């Protein structure tokens, strides 16, 4: 008796998936949005390290981008802008400062607030990473035409907005 699932296109939801070790991935996982998001994120991280920068992380890149766009904003508002919790943001900012990519200055009006600014090295690092990131984005979306890319980005943004709302309600 022939396997009826072999007619499915590879990668289609109906096609059985196997892990690298040849073990079938249970349908309960492949049908779960969270599982697919985790797969996407793991693959993205692996490609980022090779294509963009092996030491500059995505969150660090996001912080550099936000600081470049609005220098002198406080660490807490930057965390919100780049979707990081405040403790993660503090760690990312410390690491960037340690690498000489940003400086954190205490707000004279409120000594608890840390204001963020790019250094010259931070500007150079961001400029170089920005081009590699643009090239990576192009590779990631290469299979899609302009209209499909807009649809993919709309769907991803919609999912992120919805899931962040769910997390906030928890």
C-alpha atoms as a PDB file:
ATOM      1  CA  UNK A   1       0.000   0.000   0.000  1.00  0.00           C
ATOM      2  CA  UNK A   2       1.444   3.365  -1.047  1.00  0.00           C
ATOM      3  CA  UNK A   3       1.973   6.166   1.430  1.00  0.00           C
ATOM      4  CA  UNK A   4      -0.737   8.698   0.658  1.00  0.00           C
ATOM      5  CA  UNK A   5       1.282  11.596   2.107  1.00  0.00           C
ATOM      6  CA  UNK A   6       4.004  11.369  -0.533  1.00  0.00           C
ATOM      7  CA  UNK A   7       1.970  13.425  -2.989  1.00  0.00           C
ATOM      8  CA  UNK A   8       2.210  16.502  -0.746  1.00  0.00           C
ATOM      9  CA  UNK A   9       4.670  19.158  -1.746  1.00  0.00           C
ATOM     10  CA  UNK A  10       7.769  19.319   0.472  1.00  0.00           C
ATOM     11  CA  UNK A  11       7.268  21.907   3.188  1.00  0.00           C
ATOM     12  CA  UNK A  12       3.501  21.931   2.775  1.00  0.00           C
ATOM     13  CA  UNK A  13       1.467  21.531   5.960  1.00  0.00           C
ATOM     14  CA  UNK A  14       0.322  18.086   4.765  1.00  0.00           C
ATOM     15  CA  UNK A  15       3.826  16.758   4.112  1.00  0.00           C
ATOM     16  CA  UNK A  16       5.306  14.730   6.967  1.00  0.00           C
ATOM     17  CA  UNK A  17       8.409  16.402   8.334  1.00  0.00           C
ATOM     18  CA  UNK A  18      11.460  14.709   9.715  1.00  0.00           C
ATOM     19  CA  UNK A  19      14.187  16.086  11.918  1.00  0.00           C
ATOM     20  CA  UNK A  20      17.835  15.949  10.819  1.00  0.00           C
ATOM     21  CA  UNK A  21      18.217  12.651  12.675  1.00  0.00           C
ATOM     22  CA  UNK A  22      15.464  11.168  10.510  1.00  0.00           C
ATOM     23  CA  UNK A  23      12.920  11.124  13.320  1.00  0.00           C
ATOM     24  CA  UNK A  24       9.382  12.073  12.303  1.00  0.00           C
ATOM     25  CA  UNK A  25       8.240  15.325  13.869  1.00  0.00           C
ATOM     26  CA  UNK A  26       4.838  14.815  15.494  1.00  0.00           C
ATOM     27  CA  UNK A  27       1.942  16.562  13.787  1.00  0.00           C
ATOM     28  CA  UNK A  28       1.027  18.104  17.157  1.00  0.00           C
ATOM     29  CA  UNK A  29       4.254  20.107  16.865  1.00  0.00           C
ATOM     30  CA  UNK A  30       4.162  20.938  13.165  1.00  0.00           C
ATOM     31  CA  UNK A  31       0.586  22.180  13.554  1.00  0.00           C
ATOM     32  CA  UNK A  32       1.544  24.467  16.475  1.00  0.00           C
ATOM     33  CA  UNK A  33       2.262  28.102  15.526  1.00  0.00           C
ATOM     34  CA  UNK A  34       4.736  28.475  18.394  1.00  0.00           C
ATOM     35  CA  UNK A  35       6.783  25.546  17.140  1.00  0.00           C
ATOM     36  CA  UNK A  36       6.986  27.066  13.661  1.00  0.00           C
ATOM     37  CA  UNK A  37       7.927  30.479  15.077  1.00  0.00           C
ATOM     38  CA  UNK A  38      10.704  28.876  17.135  1.00  0.00           C
ATOM     39  CA  UNK A  39      11.987  27.087  14.007  1.00  0.00           C
ATOM     40  CA  UNK A  40      11.970  30.360  12.103  1.00  0.00           C
ATOM     41  CA  UNK A  41      13.804  32.164  14.884  1.00  0.00           C
ATOM     42  CA  UNK A  42      16.447  29.452  15.259  1.00  0.00           C
ATOM     43  CA  UNK A  43      17.077  29.467  11.516  1.00  0.00           C
ATOM     44  CA  UNK A  44      17.204  33.268  11.501  1.00  0.00           C
ATOM     45  CA  UNK A  45      19.772  33.330  14.308  1.00  0.00           C
ATOM     46  CA  UNK A  46      21.967  30.829  12.475  1.00  0.00           C
ATOM     47  CA  UNK A  47      21.828  32.831   9.241  1.00  0.00           C
ATOM     48  CA  UNK A  48      22.351  36.153  11.099  1.00  0.00           C
ATOM     49  CA  UNK A  49      25.611  34.917  12.651  1.00  0.00           C
ATOM     50  CA  UNK A  50      26.993  33.945   9.242  1.00  0.00           C
ATOM     51  CA  UNK A  51      25.586  36.774   7.125  1.00  0.00           C
ATOM     52  CA  UNK A  52      25.554  39.808   9.399  1.00  0.00           C
ATOM     53  CA  UNK A  53      27.854  39.554  12.403  1.00  0.00           C
ATOM     54  CA  UNK A  54      29.049  36.726  14.646  1.00  0.00           C
ATOM     55  CA  UNK A  55      29.260  38.981  17.734  1.00  0.00           C
ATOM     56  CA  UNK A  56      26.608  41.653  17.207  1.00  0.00           C
ATOM     57  CA  UNK A  57      23.229  40.142  18.095  1.00  0.00           C
ATOM     58  CA  UNK A  58      19.883  41.067  16.601  1.00  0.00           C
ATOM     59  CA  UNK A  59      18.780  42.823  19.821  1.00  0.00           C
ATOM     60  CA  UNK A  60      22.075  44.745  19.918  1.00  0.00           C
ATOM     61  CA  UNK A  61      21.575  45.769  16.293  1.00  0.00           C
ATOM     62  CA  UNK A  62      18.034  46.901  17.146  1.00  0.00           C
ATOM     63  CA  UNK A  63      19.312  49.001  20.050  1.00  0.00           C
ATOM     64  CA  UNK A  64      22.031  50.592  17.909  1.00  0.00           C
ATOM     65  CA  UNK A  65      19.426  51.363  15.236  1.00  0.00           C
ATOM     66  CA  UNK A  66      17.049  52.923  17.779  1.00  0.00           C
ATOM     67  CA  UNK A  67      19.821  54.962  19.433  1.00  0.00           C
ATOM     68  CA  UNK A  68      20.934  56.187  16.016  1.00  0.00           C
ATOM     69  CA  UNK A  69      17.362  57.233  15.191  1.00  0.00           C
ATOM     70  CA  UNK A  70      16.767  58.993  18.530  1.00  0.00           C
ATOM     71  CA  UNK A  71      20.040  59.692  20.348  1.00  0.00           C
ATOM     72  CA  UNK A  72      19.745  60.752  23.965  1.00  0.00           C
ATOM     73  CA  UNK A  73      16.557  58.836  24.756  1.00  0.00           C
ATOM     74  CA  UNK A  74      16.486  56.947  27.989  1.00  0.00           C
ATOM     75  CA  UNK A  75      17.169  53.247  28.283  1.00  0.00           C
ATOM     76  CA  UNK A  76      13.608  52.379  29.356  1.00  0.00           C
ATOM     77  CA  UNK A  77      11.960  54.014  26.321  1.00  0.00           C
ATOM     78  CA  UNK A  78      14.566  52.435  24.048  1.00  0.00           C
ATOM     79  CA  UNK A  79      13.660  49.039  25.534  1.00  0.00           C
ATOM     80  CA  UNK A  80      10.039  49.608  24.615  1.00  0.00           C
ATOM     81  CA  UNK A  81      10.978  50.772  21.113  1.00  0.00           C
ATOM     82  CA  UNK A  82      12.935  47.587  20.372  1.00  0.00           C
ATOM     83  CA  UNK A  83      10.623  45.129  22.189  1.00  0.00           C
ATOM     84  CA  UNK A  84      12.993  44.238  25.029  1.00  0.00           C
ATOM     85  CA  UNK A  85      12.132  43.998  28.696  1.00  0.00           C
ATOM     86  CA  UNK A  86      14.001  46.482  30.882  1.00  0.00           C
ATOM     87  CA  UNK A  87      16.382  43.951  32.448  1.00  0.00           C
ATOM     88  CA  UNK A  88      17.379  42.568  29.032  1.00  0.00           C
ATOM     89  CA  UNK A  89      17.793  46.121  27.763  1.00  0.00           C
ATOM     90  CA  UNK A  90      20.095  46.968  30.684  1.00  0.00           C
ATOM     91  CA  UNK A  91      22.238  43.910  29.851  1.00  0.00           C
ATOM     92  CA  UNK A  92      22.324  44.741  26.123  1.00  0.00           C
ATOM     93  CA  UNK A  93      23.246  48.371  26.869  1.00  0.00           C
ATOM     94  CA  UNK A  94      26.044  47.284  29.242  1.00  0.00           C
ATOM     95  CA  UNK A  95      27.447  44.949  26.588  1.00  0.00           C
ATOM     96  CA  UNK A  96      27.294  47.620  23.880  1.00  0.00           C
ATOM     97  CA  UNK A  97      28.938  50.105  26.213  1.00  0.00           C
ATOM     98  CA  UNK A  98      31.625  47.558  27.085  1.00  0.00           C
ATOM     99  CA  UNK A  99      32.390  47.150  23.384  1.00  0.00           C
ATOM    100  CA  UNK A 100      32.639  50.915  22.972  1.00  0.00           C
ATOM    101  CA  UNK A 101      29.585  51.127  20.681  1.00  0.00           C
ATOM    102  CA  UNK A 102      27.413  53.337  22.910  1.00  0.00           C
ATOM    103  CA  UNK A 103      27.836  55.595  25.895  1.00  0.00           C
ATOM    104  CA  UNK A 104      25.293  55.783  28.688  1.00  0.00           C
ATOM    105  CA  UNK A 105      25.005  59.136  30.406  1.00  0.00           C
ATOM    106  CA  UNK A 106      23.072  59.811  33.559  1.00  0.00           C
ATOM    107  CA  UNK A 107      20.175  62.204  33.010  1.00  0.00           C
ATOM    108  CA  UNK A 108      20.908  65.400  34.954  1.00  0.00           C
ATOM    109  CA  UNK A 109      17.185  65.856  35.694  1.00  0.00           C
ATOM    110  CA  UNK A 110      16.732  62.284  36.967  1.00  0.00           C
ATOM    111  CA  UNK A 111      19.809  60.383  38.126  1.00  0.00           C
ATOM    112  CA  UNK A 112      18.016  57.038  37.725  1.00  0.00           C
ATOM    113  CA  UNK A 113      17.649  57.463  33.957  1.00  0.00           C
ATOM    114  CA  UNK A 114      20.423  56.449  31.565  1.00  0.00           C
ATOM    115  CA  UNK A 115      20.513  58.278  28.236  1.00  0.00           C
ATOM    116  CA  UNK A 116      22.013  56.432  25.269  1.00  0.00           C
ATOM    117  CA  UNK A 117      24.291  57.762  22.529  1.00  0.00           C
ATOM    118  CA  UNK A 118      26.271  56.057  19.751  1.00  0.00           C
ATOM    119  CA  UNK A 119      30.043  56.372  19.729  1.00  0.00           C
ATOM    120  CA  UNK A 120      31.963  56.786  16.482  1.00  0.00           C
ATOM    121  CA  UNK A 121      32.742  53.068  16.623  1.00  0.00           C
ATOM    122  CA  UNK A 122      29.045  52.384  17.181  1.00  0.00           C
ATOM    123  CA  UNK A 123      28.191  54.426  14.090  1.00  0.00           C
ATOM    124  CA  UNK A 124      30.738  52.487  12.005  1.00  0.00           C
ATOM    125  CA  UNK A 125      29.534  49.135  13.334  1.00  0.00           C
ATOM    126  CA  UNK A 126      25.894  50.024  12.702  1.00  0.00           C
ATOM    127  CA  UNK A 127      26.610  51.272   9.177  1.00  0.00           C
ATOM    128  CA  UNK A 128      28.430  48.047   8.246  1.00  0.00           C
ATOM    129  CA  UNK A 129      25.814  45.804   9.865  1.00  0.00           C
ATOM    130  CA  UNK A 130      22.945  47.744   8.308  1.00  0.00           C
ATOM    131  CA  UNK A 131      24.090  46.895   4.787  1.00  0.00           C
ATOM    132  CA  UNK A 132      24.615  43.218   5.625  1.00  0.00           C
ATOM    133  CA  UNK A 133      21.199  43.151   7.324  1.00  0.00           C
ATOM    134  CA  UNK A 134      19.568  44.643   4.231  1.00  0.00           C
ATOM    135  CA  UNK A 135      21.220  41.947   2.123  1.00  0.00           C
ATOM    136  CA  UNK A 136      20.039  39.249   4.544  1.00  0.00           C
ATOM    137  CA  UNK A 137      16.489  40.591   4.447  1.00  0.00           C
ATOM    138  CA  UNK A 138      16.631  40.447   0.660  1.00  0.00           C
ATOM    139  CA  UNK A 139      17.792  36.806   0.769  1.00  0.00           C
ATOM    140  CA  UNK A 140      15.078  35.867   3.266  1.00  0.00           C
ATOM    141  CA  UNK A 141      12.315  37.365   1.127  1.00  0.00           C
ATOM    142  CA  UNK A 142      13.809  36.446  -2.271  1.00  0.00           C
ATOM    143  CA  UNK A 143      11.115  33.843  -3.116  1.00  0.00           C
ATOM    144  CA  UNK A 144       8.379  36.493  -2.916  1.00  0.00           C
ATOM    145  CA  UNK A 145       7.429  39.306  -5.282  1.00  0.00           C
ATOM    146  CA  UNK A 146       6.823  42.817  -3.932  1.00  0.00           C
ATOM    147  CA  UNK A 147       3.142  42.221  -3.207  1.00  0.00           C
ATOM    148  CA  UNK A 148       3.809  38.924  -1.464  1.00  0.00           C
ATOM    149  CA  UNK A 149       6.576  40.555   0.591  1.00  0.00           C
ATOM    150  CA  UNK A 150       4.126  43.193   1.783  1.00  0.00           C
ATOM    151  CA  UNK A 151       1.672  40.406   2.685  1.00  0.00           C
ATOM    152  CA  UNK A 152       4.357  38.423   4.547  1.00  0.00           C
ATOM    153  CA  UNK A 153       5.447  41.497   6.489  1.00  0.00           C
ATOM    154  CA  UNK A 154       1.841  42.404   7.270  1.00  0.00           C
ATOM    155  CA  UNK A 155       1.170  38.883   8.557  1.00  0.00           C
ATOM    156  CA  UNK A 156       4.358  38.794  10.645  1.00  0.00           C
ATOM    157  CA  UNK A 157       3.584  42.220  12.124  1.00  0.00           C
ATOM    158  CA  UNK A 158      -0.004  41.218  12.829  1.00  0.00           C
ATOM    159  CA  UNK A 159       1.143  38.025  14.584  1.00  0.00           C
ATOM    160  CA  UNK A 160       3.735  39.910  16.637  1.00  0.00           C
ATOM    161  CA  UNK A 161       1.209  42.573  17.658  1.00  0.00           C
ATOM    162  CA  UNK A 162      -1.382  39.968  18.611  1.00  0.00           C
ATOM    163  CA  UNK A 163       1.019  37.760  20.527  1.00  0.00           C
ATOM    164  CA  UNK A 164       2.571  40.739  22.369  1.00  0.00           C
ATOM    165  CA  UNK A 165      -0.961  41.723  23.374  1.00  0.00           C
ATOM    166  CA  UNK A 166      -1.593  38.217  24.672  1.00  0.00           C
ATOM    167  CA  UNK A 167       1.655  38.327  26.635  1.00  0.00           C
ATOM    168  CA  UNK A 168       0.724  41.686  28.157  1.00  0.00           C
ATOM    169  CA  UNK A 169      -2.676  40.312  29.218  1.00  0.00           C
ATOM    170  CA  UNK A 170      -1.090  37.317  30.967  1.00  0.00           C
END
